[in-house]
């Protein structure tokens, strides 16, 4: 009965542990510490059509049990990823989920079309980006916009489409349903919470960009709640994200309805974080003779 494998959108993952976009690069640096092939999957650094340098420093601020970042999607661009990193990443044996981002709907369509003919296994779409054609409001705020961008991507790829949901919305379930209506295959949640940090001595914000995204252990209660809400309000499969640092966190997210999880900020404080979580899960499953899939959505609520 002991089993750690998860079938998700037609792909068999060796275990439910993936790394979160923006916290693992393309895996090369972490592969110097351990064989990243032990991971269920790697979500790439957010990719854009053209190379981005990101925001000016300082763009990382520590806070209680977490960090606030305003890195600004620094990445080499999709062509450089395909040329320099994709084949190597596939050779590790882990599942490759390409995270994509854009400033316009046309950006999303262009990068989707470019990746459709490659060996990436799935697409994860960051819709927390500002839509420059609509006054800067993030694509993922209003359900109708979520539905529109999901449908546009769905129409331009045969690969599984995972929409990464922002928690900075009126109703997370409405946005998950919008993904469903738009033809998306799954949702991942949560992306970072909006936040800021202040230096009281200088009377200035710590981040050059003033605002940033809060992540780390401090967001876990919010993430668990939203995963549970989406699981009960939408039929799409879920990848849980937010404050995962140990194997029991994975079990909690799965009980709330997640089939897979992504480990993010923990990779910054301990390069072995994701590896250790996988190994601890392996031990737990073996010692208790359980199928990890039996935990999904099995939270007992009286």
C-alpha atoms as a PDB file:
ATOM      1  CA  UNK A   1       0.000   0.000   0.000  1.00  0.00           C
ATOM      2  CA  UNK A   2       2.939   2.336   0.654  1.00  0.00           C
ATOM      3  CA  UNK A   3       2.985   4.919  -2.173  1.00  0.00           C
ATOM      4  CA  UNK A   4       4.379   8.421  -2.640  1.00  0.00           C
ATOM      5  CA  UNK A   5       3.635   8.808  -6.357  1.00  0.00           C
ATOM      6  CA  UNK A   6       0.954  11.259  -7.497  1.00  0.00           C
ATOM      7  CA  UNK A   7      -0.800  11.318 -10.854  1.00  0.00           C
ATOM      8  CA  UNK A   8      -1.565  14.926 -11.707  1.00  0.00           C
ATOM      9  CA  UNK A   9      -2.987  16.064 -15.041  1.00  0.00           C
ATOM     10  CA  UNK A  10      -1.818  12.866 -16.726  1.00  0.00           C
ATOM     11  CA  UNK A  11       1.748  13.093 -15.413  1.00  0.00           C
ATOM     12  CA  UNK A  12       3.128  10.748 -12.752  1.00  0.00           C
ATOM     13  CA  UNK A  13       5.120  12.642 -10.139  1.00  0.00           C
ATOM     14  CA  UNK A  14       7.532  10.559  -8.056  1.00  0.00           C
ATOM     15  CA  UNK A  15       6.335  12.502  -5.004  1.00  0.00           C
ATOM     16  CA  UNK A  16       4.111  15.537  -4.322  1.00  0.00           C
ATOM     17  CA  UNK A  17       6.968  17.990  -3.619  1.00  0.00           C
ATOM     18  CA  UNK A  18       7.786  20.661  -6.203  1.00  0.00           C
ATOM     19  CA  UNK A  19       9.809  23.839  -5.832  1.00  0.00           C
ATOM     20  CA  UNK A  20       8.065  27.185  -6.165  1.00  0.00           C
ATOM     21  CA  UNK A  21       8.834  29.596  -8.970  1.00  0.00           C
ATOM     22  CA  UNK A  22      11.382  32.269  -8.143  1.00  0.00           C
ATOM     23  CA  UNK A  23      12.947  30.350  -5.265  1.00  0.00           C
ATOM     24  CA  UNK A  24      14.906  27.696  -7.150  1.00  0.00           C
ATOM     25  CA  UNK A  25      16.165  29.369 -10.321  1.00  0.00           C
ATOM     26  CA  UNK A  26      16.424  26.640 -12.949  1.00  0.00           C
ATOM     27  CA  UNK A  27      17.826  24.151 -10.449  1.00  0.00           C
ATOM     28  CA  UNK A  28      21.522  24.226 -11.321  1.00  0.00           C
ATOM     29  CA  UNK A  29      22.741  25.806  -8.086  1.00  0.00           C
ATOM     30  CA  UNK A  30      20.713  23.450  -5.913  1.00  0.00           C
ATOM     31  CA  UNK A  31      21.915  20.450  -7.911  1.00  0.00           C
ATOM     32  CA  UNK A  32      25.362  21.160  -6.477  1.00  0.00           C
ATOM     33  CA  UNK A  33      23.940  20.261  -3.046  1.00  0.00           C
ATOM     34  CA  UNK A  34      21.874  17.215  -4.061  1.00  0.00           C
ATOM     35  CA  UNK A  35      20.453  15.438  -7.081  1.00  0.00           C
ATOM     36  CA  UNK A  36      17.317  17.463  -7.838  1.00  0.00           C
ATOM     37  CA  UNK A  37      15.938  14.431  -9.645  1.00  0.00           C
ATOM     38  CA  UNK A  38      14.624  13.313  -6.246  1.00  0.00           C
ATOM     39  CA  UNK A  39      12.054  16.124  -6.392  1.00  0.00           C
ATOM     40  CA  UNK A  40       8.595  15.615  -7.784  1.00  0.00           C
ATOM     41  CA  UNK A  41       9.064  18.669  -9.972  1.00  0.00           C
ATOM     42  CA  UNK A  42      10.667  22.055 -10.475  1.00  0.00           C
ATOM     43  CA  UNK A  43       8.703  25.201 -11.248  1.00  0.00           C
ATOM     44  CA  UNK A  44      11.061  27.439 -13.157  1.00  0.00           C
ATOM     45  CA  UNK A  45      11.893  31.046 -12.477  1.00  0.00           C
ATOM     46  CA  UNK A  46       9.113  33.156 -13.959  1.00  0.00           C
ATOM     47  CA  UNK A  47       9.744  33.460 -17.712  1.00  0.00           C
ATOM     48  CA  UNK A  48       8.921  36.425 -19.931  1.00  0.00           C
ATOM     49  CA  UNK A  49       9.257  36.895 -23.681  1.00  0.00           C
ATOM     50  CA  UNK A  50      12.279  39.145 -23.316  1.00  0.00           C
ATOM     51  CA  UNK A  51      15.026  39.289 -20.712  1.00  0.00           C
ATOM     52  CA  UNK A  52      14.168  41.289 -17.586  1.00  0.00           C
ATOM     53  CA  UNK A  53      16.620  42.833 -15.139  1.00  0.00           C
ATOM     54  CA  UNK A  54      13.972  43.220 -12.443  1.00  0.00           C
ATOM     55  CA  UNK A  55      13.571  46.037  -9.945  1.00  0.00           C
ATOM     56  CA  UNK A  56      16.358  48.083  -8.391  1.00  0.00           C
ATOM     57  CA  UNK A  57      17.787  47.061  -5.030  1.00  0.00           C
ATOM     58  CA  UNK A  58      17.019  46.789  -2.231  1.00  0.00           C
ATOM     59  CA  UNK A  59      14.380  44.290  -3.285  1.00  0.00           C
ATOM     60  CA  UNK A  60      14.364  41.765  -0.430  1.00  0.00           C
ATOM     61  CA  UNK A  61      13.369  42.530   3.165  1.00  0.00           C
ATOM     62  CA  UNK A  62      13.244  40.089   6.048  1.00  0.00           C
ATOM     63  CA  UNK A  63      10.218  40.143   8.325  1.00  0.00           C
ATOM     64  CA  UNK A  64       8.862  37.960  11.119  1.00  0.00           C
ATOM     65  CA  UNK A  65       8.766  34.356   9.847  1.00  0.00           C
ATOM     66  CA  UNK A  66       9.076  35.397   6.237  1.00  0.00           C
ATOM     67  CA  UNK A  67      10.416  37.750   3.589  1.00  0.00           C
ATOM     68  CA  UNK A  68       9.021  40.496   1.376  1.00  0.00           C
ATOM     69  CA  UNK A  69      10.350  40.583  -2.167  1.00  0.00           C
ATOM     70  CA  UNK A  70      10.024  42.944  -5.090  1.00  0.00           C
ATOM     71  CA  UNK A  71      12.532  41.229  -7.375  1.00  0.00           C
ATOM     72  CA  UNK A  72      10.404  42.106 -10.392  1.00  0.00           C
ATOM     73  CA  UNK A  73      10.561  38.885 -12.415  1.00  0.00           C
ATOM     74  CA  UNK A  74      14.264  39.052 -13.222  1.00  0.00           C
ATOM     75  CA  UNK A  75      14.926  36.315 -15.785  1.00  0.00           C
ATOM     76  CA  UNK A  76      16.972  35.676 -18.942  1.00  0.00           C
ATOM     77  CA  UNK A  77      13.918  35.400 -21.190  1.00  0.00           C
ATOM     78  CA  UNK A  78      12.225  32.335 -22.633  1.00  0.00           C
ATOM     79  CA  UNK A  79      14.658  31.832 -25.526  1.00  0.00           C
ATOM     80  CA  UNK A  80      17.680  31.749 -23.210  1.00  0.00           C
ATOM     81  CA  UNK A  81      15.876  29.251 -20.963  1.00  0.00           C
ATOM     82  CA  UNK A  82      15.114  26.962 -23.891  1.00  0.00           C
ATOM     83  CA  UNK A  83      18.658  27.211 -25.228  1.00  0.00           C
ATOM     84  CA  UNK A  84      20.637  26.973 -21.988  1.00  0.00           C
ATOM     85  CA  UNK A  85      18.570  25.281 -19.306  1.00  0.00           C
ATOM     86  CA  UNK A  86      15.635  23.200 -20.508  1.00  0.00           C
ATOM     87  CA  UNK A  87      17.497  20.133 -21.815  1.00  0.00           C
ATOM     88  CA  UNK A  88      19.680  19.992 -18.709  1.00  0.00           C
ATOM     89  CA  UNK A  89      16.674  20.328 -16.404  1.00  0.00           C
ATOM     90  CA  UNK A  90      14.815  17.565 -18.247  1.00  0.00           C
ATOM     91  CA  UNK A  91      17.877  15.336 -17.991  1.00  0.00           C
ATOM     92  CA  UNK A  92      17.594  15.309 -14.189  1.00  0.00           C
ATOM     93  CA  UNK A  93      14.411  13.262 -14.464  1.00  0.00           C
ATOM     94  CA  UNK A  94      12.220  15.671 -12.534  1.00  0.00           C
ATOM     95  CA  UNK A  95       8.996  17.127 -13.933  1.00  0.00           C
ATOM     96  CA  UNK A  96       9.513  20.593 -15.450  1.00  0.00           C
ATOM     97  CA  UNK A  97       6.768  23.153 -14.934  1.00  0.00           C
ATOM     98  CA  UNK A  98       7.473  26.381 -16.817  1.00  0.00           C
ATOM     99  CA  UNK A  99       6.193  29.425 -14.952  1.00  0.00           C
ATOM    100  CA  UNK A 100       5.253  32.231 -17.346  1.00  0.00           C
ATOM    101  CA  UNK A 101       4.393  35.897 -16.937  1.00  0.00           C
ATOM    102  CA  UNK A 102       3.421  38.863 -19.081  1.00  0.00           C
ATOM    103  CA  UNK A 103       2.400  42.492 -19.136  1.00  0.00           C
ATOM    104  CA  UNK A 104      -0.244  42.086 -21.833  1.00  0.00           C
ATOM    105  CA  UNK A 105      -2.473  39.286 -23.053  1.00  0.00           C
ATOM    106  CA  UNK A 106      -0.354  39.190 -26.193  1.00  0.00           C
ATOM    107  CA  UNK A 107       2.736  38.493 -24.052  1.00  0.00           C
ATOM    108  CA  UNK A 108       1.068  35.490 -22.457  1.00  0.00           C
ATOM    109  CA  UNK A 109      -0.033  34.123 -25.818  1.00  0.00           C
ATOM    110  CA  UNK A 110       3.408  34.573 -27.378  1.00  0.00           C
ATOM    111  CA  UNK A 111       5.293  32.788 -24.608  1.00  0.00           C
ATOM    112  CA  UNK A 112       2.670  30.033 -24.491  1.00  0.00           C
ATOM    113  CA  UNK A 113       3.057  29.390 -28.200  1.00  0.00           C
ATOM    114  CA  UNK A 114       6.842  29.361 -27.882  1.00  0.00           C
ATOM    115  CA  UNK A 115       6.823  26.793 -25.085  1.00  0.00           C
ATOM    116  CA  UNK A 116       4.144  24.590 -26.626  1.00  0.00           C
ATOM    117  CA  UNK A 117       6.624  22.875 -28.944  1.00  0.00           C
ATOM    118  CA  UNK A 118       9.228  22.287 -26.218  1.00  0.00           C
ATOM    119  CA  UNK A 119       9.708  19.459 -23.715  1.00  0.00           C
ATOM    120  CA  UNK A 120       8.327  21.303 -20.670  1.00  0.00           C
ATOM    121  CA  UNK A 121       5.698  19.158 -19.002  1.00  0.00           C
ATOM    122  CA  UNK A 122       3.254  21.836 -17.893  1.00  0.00           C
ATOM    123  CA  UNK A 123       2.705  25.582 -17.779  1.00  0.00           C
ATOM    124  CA  UNK A 124       2.096  27.523 -14.568  1.00  0.00           C
ATOM    125  CA  UNK A 125       0.739  30.975 -15.304  1.00  0.00           C
ATOM    126  CA  UNK A 126       1.532  33.892 -13.010  1.00  0.00           C
ATOM    127  CA  UNK A 127      -1.494  36.179 -13.224  1.00  0.00           C
ATOM    128  CA  UNK A 128      -0.367  38.486 -10.432  1.00  0.00           C
ATOM    129  CA  UNK A 129       1.322  40.628 -13.102  1.00  0.00           C
ATOM    130  CA  UNK A 130      -0.008  44.139 -13.849  1.00  0.00           C
ATOM    131  CA  UNK A 131      -1.943  44.403 -17.113  1.00  0.00           C
ATOM    132  CA  UNK A 132      -0.372  47.502 -18.664  1.00  0.00           C
ATOM    133  CA  UNK A 133      -3.202  47.840 -21.183  1.00  0.00           C
ATOM    134  CA  UNK A 134      -5.824  47.970 -18.445  1.00  0.00           C
ATOM    135  CA  UNK A 135      -4.339  50.622 -16.198  1.00  0.00           C
ATOM    136  CA  UNK A 136      -1.991  48.336 -14.274  1.00  0.00           C
ATOM    137  CA  UNK A 137      -4.518  46.144 -12.458  1.00  0.00           C
ATOM    138  CA  UNK A 138      -3.198  42.615 -12.072  1.00  0.00           C
ATOM    139  CA  UNK A 139      -4.642  40.012 -14.448  1.00  0.00           C
ATOM    140  CA  UNK A 140      -5.579  37.838 -11.482  1.00  0.00           C
ATOM    141  CA  UNK A 141      -7.737  40.313  -9.534  1.00  0.00           C
ATOM    142  CA  UNK A 142     -11.083  40.250 -11.362  1.00  0.00           C
ATOM    143  CA  UNK A 143     -12.670  36.880 -12.217  1.00  0.00           C
ATOM    144  CA  UNK A 144     -13.545  37.978 -15.755  1.00  0.00           C
ATOM    145  CA  UNK A 145      -9.919  38.853 -16.477  1.00  0.00           C
ATOM    146  CA  UNK A 146      -8.818  35.533 -14.974  1.00  0.00           C
ATOM    147  CA  UNK A 147     -11.222  33.718 -17.266  1.00  0.00           C
ATOM    148  CA  UNK A 148     -10.080  35.667 -20.330  1.00  0.00           C
ATOM    149  CA  UNK A 149      -6.360  35.070 -19.866  1.00  0.00           C
ATOM    150  CA  UNK A 150      -6.966  31.403 -19.027  1.00  0.00           C
ATOM    151  CA  UNK A 151      -9.018  30.910 -22.178  1.00  0.00           C
ATOM    152  CA  UNK A 152      -6.425  32.663 -24.340  1.00  0.00           C
ATOM    153  CA  UNK A 153      -3.641  30.428 -23.036  1.00  0.00           C
ATOM    154  CA  UNK A 154      -5.773  27.296 -23.284  1.00  0.00           C
ATOM    155  CA  UNK A 155      -6.430  28.030 -26.960  1.00  0.00           C
ATOM    156  CA  UNK A 156      -2.716  28.254 -27.755  1.00  0.00           C
ATOM    157  CA  UNK A 157      -1.271  25.159 -26.133  1.00  0.00           C
ATOM    158  CA  UNK A 158      -1.853  21.439 -25.806  1.00  0.00           C
ATOM    159  CA  UNK A 159       0.074  21.321 -22.521  1.00  0.00           C
ATOM    160  CA  UNK A 160      -1.642  21.249 -19.120  1.00  0.00           C
ATOM    161  CA  UNK A 161      -2.353  24.787 -17.889  1.00  0.00           C
ATOM    162  CA  UNK A 162      -2.074  25.630 -14.193  1.00  0.00           C
ATOM    163  CA  UNK A 163      -3.194  29.108 -13.167  1.00  0.00           C
ATOM    164  CA  UNK A 164      -1.372  30.512 -10.134  1.00  0.00           C
ATOM    165  CA  UNK A 165      -3.865  32.467  -8.044  1.00  0.00           C
ATOM    166  CA  UNK A 166      -3.214  35.621  -6.069  1.00  0.00           C
ATOM    167  CA  UNK A 167      -4.588  35.846  -2.517  1.00  0.00           C
ATOM    168  CA  UNK A 168      -5.027  39.608  -2.932  1.00  0.00           C
ATOM    169  CA  UNK A 169      -8.584  39.286  -4.238  1.00  0.00           C
ATOM    170  CA  UNK A 170     -12.157  39.651  -3.036  1.00  0.00           C
ATOM    171  CA  UNK A 171     -13.022  35.947  -3.311  1.00  0.00           C
ATOM    172  CA  UNK A 172     -10.447  33.283  -4.159  1.00  0.00           C
ATOM    173  CA  UNK A 173     -13.164  30.748  -5.049  1.00  0.00           C
ATOM    174  CA  UNK A 174     -14.653  33.051  -7.692  1.00  0.00           C
ATOM    175  CA  UNK A 175     -11.237  33.305  -9.334  1.00  0.00           C
ATOM    176  CA  UNK A 176     -10.717  29.535  -9.212  1.00  0.00           C
ATOM    177  CA  UNK A 177     -14.115  29.066 -10.872  1.00  0.00           C
ATOM    178  CA  UNK A 178     -13.069  31.593 -13.513  1.00  0.00           C
ATOM    179  CA  UNK A 179     -10.072  29.379 -14.304  1.00  0.00           C
ATOM    180  CA  UNK A 180     -12.461  26.451 -14.640  1.00  0.00           C
ATOM    181  CA  UNK A 181     -14.776  28.412 -16.946  1.00  0.00           C
ATOM    182  CA  UNK A 182     -11.780  29.485 -19.037  1.00  0.00           C
ATOM    183  CA  UNK A 183     -10.654  25.911 -19.632  1.00  0.00           C
ATOM    184  CA  UNK A 184      -7.716  25.756 -17.214  1.00  0.00           C
ATOM    185  CA  UNK A 185      -6.631  22.347 -15.974  1.00  0.00           C
ATOM    186  CA  UNK A 186      -5.594  23.191 -12.397  1.00  0.00           C
ATOM    187  CA  UNK A 187      -4.838  25.996  -9.969  1.00  0.00           C
ATOM    188  CA  UNK A 188      -1.863  26.657  -7.719  1.00  0.00           C
ATOM    189  CA  UNK A 189      -2.245  28.840  -4.644  1.00  0.00           C
ATOM    190  CA  UNK A 190      -1.309  31.025  -3.031  1.00  0.00           C
ATOM    191  CA  UNK A 191       0.988  33.542  -4.635  1.00  0.00           C
ATOM    192  CA  UNK A 192       2.482  36.136  -2.287  1.00  0.00           C
ATOM    193  CA  UNK A 193       0.441  38.463  -0.096  1.00  0.00           C
ATOM    194  CA  UNK A 194       0.926  42.195  -0.613  1.00  0.00           C
ATOM    195  CA  UNK A 195       3.104  43.842   2.024  1.00  0.00           C
ATOM    196  CA  UNK A 196       5.761  46.422   2.837  1.00  0.00           C
ATOM    197  CA  UNK A 197       8.627  46.979   5.273  1.00  0.00           C
ATOM    198  CA  UNK A 198       9.708  50.243   6.893  1.00  0.00           C
ATOM    199  CA  UNK A 199      12.990  51.455   8.410  1.00  0.00           C
ATOM    200  CA  UNK A 200      11.906  53.612  11.335  1.00  0.00           C
ATOM    201  CA  UNK A 201      15.377  55.136  11.685  1.00  0.00           C
ATOM    202  CA  UNK A 202      15.543  56.497   8.153  1.00  0.00           C
ATOM    203  CA  UNK A 203      11.770  56.958   7.934  1.00  0.00           C
ATOM    204  CA  UNK A 204      11.854  55.267   4.544  1.00  0.00           C
ATOM    205  CA  UNK A 205      10.489  52.061   3.054  1.00  0.00           C
ATOM    206  CA  UNK A 206      13.110  49.295   2.980  1.00  0.00           C
ATOM    207  CA  UNK A 207      12.224  48.128  -0.530  1.00  0.00           C
ATOM    208  CA  UNK A 208      13.116  50.418  -3.412  1.00  0.00           C
ATOM    209  CA  UNK A 209       9.757  49.553  -4.946  1.00  0.00           C
ATOM    210  CA  UNK A 210       7.997  50.324  -1.590  1.00  0.00           C
ATOM    211  CA  UNK A 211       5.650  47.323  -1.858  1.00  0.00           C
ATOM    212  CA  UNK A 212       6.436  43.652  -2.317  1.00  0.00           C
ATOM    213  CA  UNK A 213       5.153  40.127  -1.906  1.00  0.00           C
ATOM    214  CA  UNK A 214       5.121  38.480   1.521  1.00  0.00           C
ATOM    215  CA  UNK A 215       6.024  34.786   1.693  1.00  0.00           C
ATOM    216  CA  UNK A 216       7.324  32.273   4.215  1.00  0.00           C
ATOM    217  CA  UNK A 217       5.961  30.488   7.259  1.00  0.00           C
ATOM    218  CA  UNK A 218       3.815  33.486   8.235  1.00  0.00           C
ATOM    219  CA  UNK A 219       1.486  33.014   5.230  1.00  0.00           C
ATOM    220  CA  UNK A 220       0.751  29.321   5.812  1.00  0.00           C
ATOM    221  CA  UNK A 221      -2.546  29.802   7.724  1.00  0.00           C
ATOM    222  CA  UNK A 222      -3.874  32.008   4.915  1.00  0.00           C
ATOM    223  CA  UNK A 223      -2.749  29.523   2.284  1.00  0.00           C
ATOM    224  CA  UNK A 224      -4.348  26.557   4.056  1.00  0.00           C
ATOM    225  CA  UNK A 225      -7.645  28.421   4.344  1.00  0.00           C
ATOM    226  CA  UNK A 226      -7.693  29.343   0.665  1.00  0.00           C
ATOM    227  CA  UNK A 227      -6.742  25.855  -0.499  1.00  0.00           C
ATOM    228  CA  UNK A 228      -9.590  24.473   1.621  1.00  0.00           C
ATOM    229  CA  UNK A 229     -12.032  27.045   0.228  1.00  0.00           C
ATOM    230  CA  UNK A 230     -11.081  26.329  -3.384  1.00  0.00           C
ATOM    231  CA  UNK A 231     -11.205  22.561  -2.821  1.00  0.00           C
ATOM    232  CA  UNK A 232     -14.771  22.902  -1.588  1.00  0.00           C
ATOM    233  CA  UNK A 233     -15.877  25.476  -4.157  1.00  0.00           C
ATOM    234  CA  UNK A 234     -14.244  24.294  -7.376  1.00  0.00           C
ATOM    235  CA  UNK A 235     -13.612  20.953  -9.066  1.00  0.00           C
ATOM    236  CA  UNK A 236     -10.118  21.677 -10.381  1.00  0.00           C
ATOM    237  CA  UNK A 237      -7.081  19.913  -8.859  1.00  0.00           C
ATOM    238  CA  UNK A 238      -4.881  22.075  -6.630  1.00  0.00           C
ATOM    239  CA  UNK A 239      -1.207  22.692  -5.969  1.00  0.00           C
ATOM    240  CA  UNK A 240      -0.756  24.149  -2.485  1.00  0.00           C
ATOM    241  CA  UNK A 241       1.829  26.871  -1.817  1.00  0.00           C
ATOM    242  CA  UNK A 242       2.698  28.943   1.235  1.00  0.00           C
ATOM    243  CA  UNK A 243       5.009  28.517   4.199  1.00  0.00           C
ATOM    244  CA  UNK A 244       5.882  24.858   3.711  1.00  0.00           C
ATOM    245  CA  UNK A 245       9.045  23.956   5.651  1.00  0.00           C
ATOM    246  CA  UNK A 246       8.536  20.330   6.755  1.00  0.00           C
ATOM    247  CA  UNK A 247       6.779  17.146   5.725  1.00  0.00           C
ATOM    248  CA  UNK A 248       3.855  17.646   8.113  1.00  0.00           C
ATOM    249  CA  UNK A 249       3.063  20.903   6.289  1.00  0.00           C
ATOM    250  CA  UNK A 250       2.675  18.858   3.110  1.00  0.00           C
ATOM    251  CA  UNK A 251       0.209  16.561   4.838  1.00  0.00           C
ATOM    252  CA  UNK A 252      -1.782  19.555   6.102  1.00  0.00           C
ATOM    253  CA  UNK A 253      -2.055  21.041   2.622  1.00  0.00           C
ATOM    254  CA  UNK A 254      -3.084  17.688   1.177  1.00  0.00           C
ATOM    255  CA  UNK A 255      -5.762  17.247   3.846  1.00  0.00           C
ATOM    256  CA  UNK A 256      -7.132  20.656   2.829  1.00  0.00           C
ATOM    257  CA  UNK A 257      -7.354  19.538  -0.804  1.00  0.00           C
ATOM    258  CA  UNK A 258      -3.968  19.936  -2.494  1.00  0.00           C
ATOM    259  CA  UNK A 259      -2.676  17.072  -4.636  1.00  0.00           C
ATOM    260  CA  UNK A 260       0.813  18.553  -4.917  1.00  0.00           C
ATOM    261  CA  UNK A 261       2.699  21.294  -3.069  1.00  0.00           C
ATOM    262  CA  UNK A 262       5.428  23.798  -3.869  1.00  0.00           C
ATOM    263  CA  UNK A 263       8.212  24.674  -1.449  1.00  0.00           C
ATOM    264  CA  UNK A 264       9.378  28.269  -1.790  1.00  0.00           C
ATOM    265  CA  UNK A 265      10.968  30.560   0.774  1.00  0.00           C
ATOM    266  CA  UNK A 266      12.339  27.628   2.784  1.00  0.00           C
ATOM    267  CA  UNK A 267      14.824  27.034  -0.065  1.00  0.00           C
ATOM    268  CA  UNK A 268      16.468  30.380   0.746  1.00  0.00           C
ATOM    269  CA  UNK A 269      17.167  29.561   4.381  1.00  0.00           C
ATOM    270  CA  UNK A 270      18.154  25.933   3.779  1.00  0.00           C
ATOM    271  CA  UNK A 271      19.215  24.663   0.339  1.00  0.00           C
ATOM    272  CA  UNK A 272      18.317  21.131   1.469  1.00  0.00           C
ATOM    273  CA  UNK A 273      14.765  22.095   2.526  1.00  0.00           C
ATOM    274  CA  UNK A 274      12.924  20.470  -0.384  1.00  0.00           C
ATOM    275  CA  UNK A 275      15.200  17.424  -0.337  1.00  0.00           C
ATOM    276  CA  UNK A 276      14.639  16.897   3.388  1.00  0.00           C
ATOM    277  CA  UNK A 277      10.880  17.185   2.988  1.00  0.00           C
ATOM    278  CA  UNK A 278      10.903  14.496   0.285  1.00  0.00           C
ATOM    279  CA  UNK A 279      13.057  12.163   2.386  1.00  0.00           C
ATOM    280  CA  UNK A 280      10.897  12.685   5.484  1.00  0.00           C
ATOM    281  CA  UNK A 281       7.768  11.953   3.427  1.00  0.00           C
ATOM    282  CA  UNK A 282       9.365   8.782   2.089  1.00  0.00           C
ATOM    283  CA  UNK A 283      10.072   7.659   5.637  1.00  0.00           C
ATOM    284  CA  UNK A 284       6.564   8.562   6.827  1.00  0.00           C
ATOM    285  CA  UNK A 285       4.848   6.679   4.010  1.00  0.00           C
ATOM    286  CA  UNK A 286       7.029   3.600   4.478  1.00  0.00           C
ATOM    287  CA  UNK A 287       6.713   3.460   8.263  1.00  0.00           C
ATOM    288  CA  UNK A 288       2.943   3.941   8.190  1.00  0.00           C
ATOM    289  CA  UNK A 289       2.284   1.925   5.028  1.00  0.00           C
ATOM    290  CA  UNK A 290       0.038   4.577   3.491  1.00  0.00           C
ATOM    291  CA  UNK A 291      -0.771   5.946   0.053  1.00  0.00           C
ATOM    292  CA  UNK A 292      -0.065   9.689   0.135  1.00  0.00           C
ATOM    293  CA  UNK A 293      -3.028  10.289  -2.190  1.00  0.00           C
ATOM    294  CA  UNK A 294      -5.408   9.124   0.534  1.00  0.00           C
ATOM    295  CA  UNK A 295      -4.764  12.381   2.388  1.00  0.00           C
ATOM    296  CA  UNK A 296      -6.108  14.644  -0.371  1.00  0.00           C
ATOM    297  CA  UNK A 297      -9.237  16.449   0.745  1.00  0.00           C
ATOM    298  CA  UNK A 298      -9.720  14.237   3.800  1.00  0.00           C
ATOM    299  CA  UNK A 299      -9.838  16.989   6.418  1.00  0.00           C
ATOM    300  CA  UNK A 300     -12.468  16.094   9.045  1.00  0.00           C
ATOM    301  CA  UNK A 301     -14.772  19.013   9.786  1.00  0.00           C
ATOM    302  CA  UNK A 302     -17.621  18.367  12.210  1.00  0.00           C
END
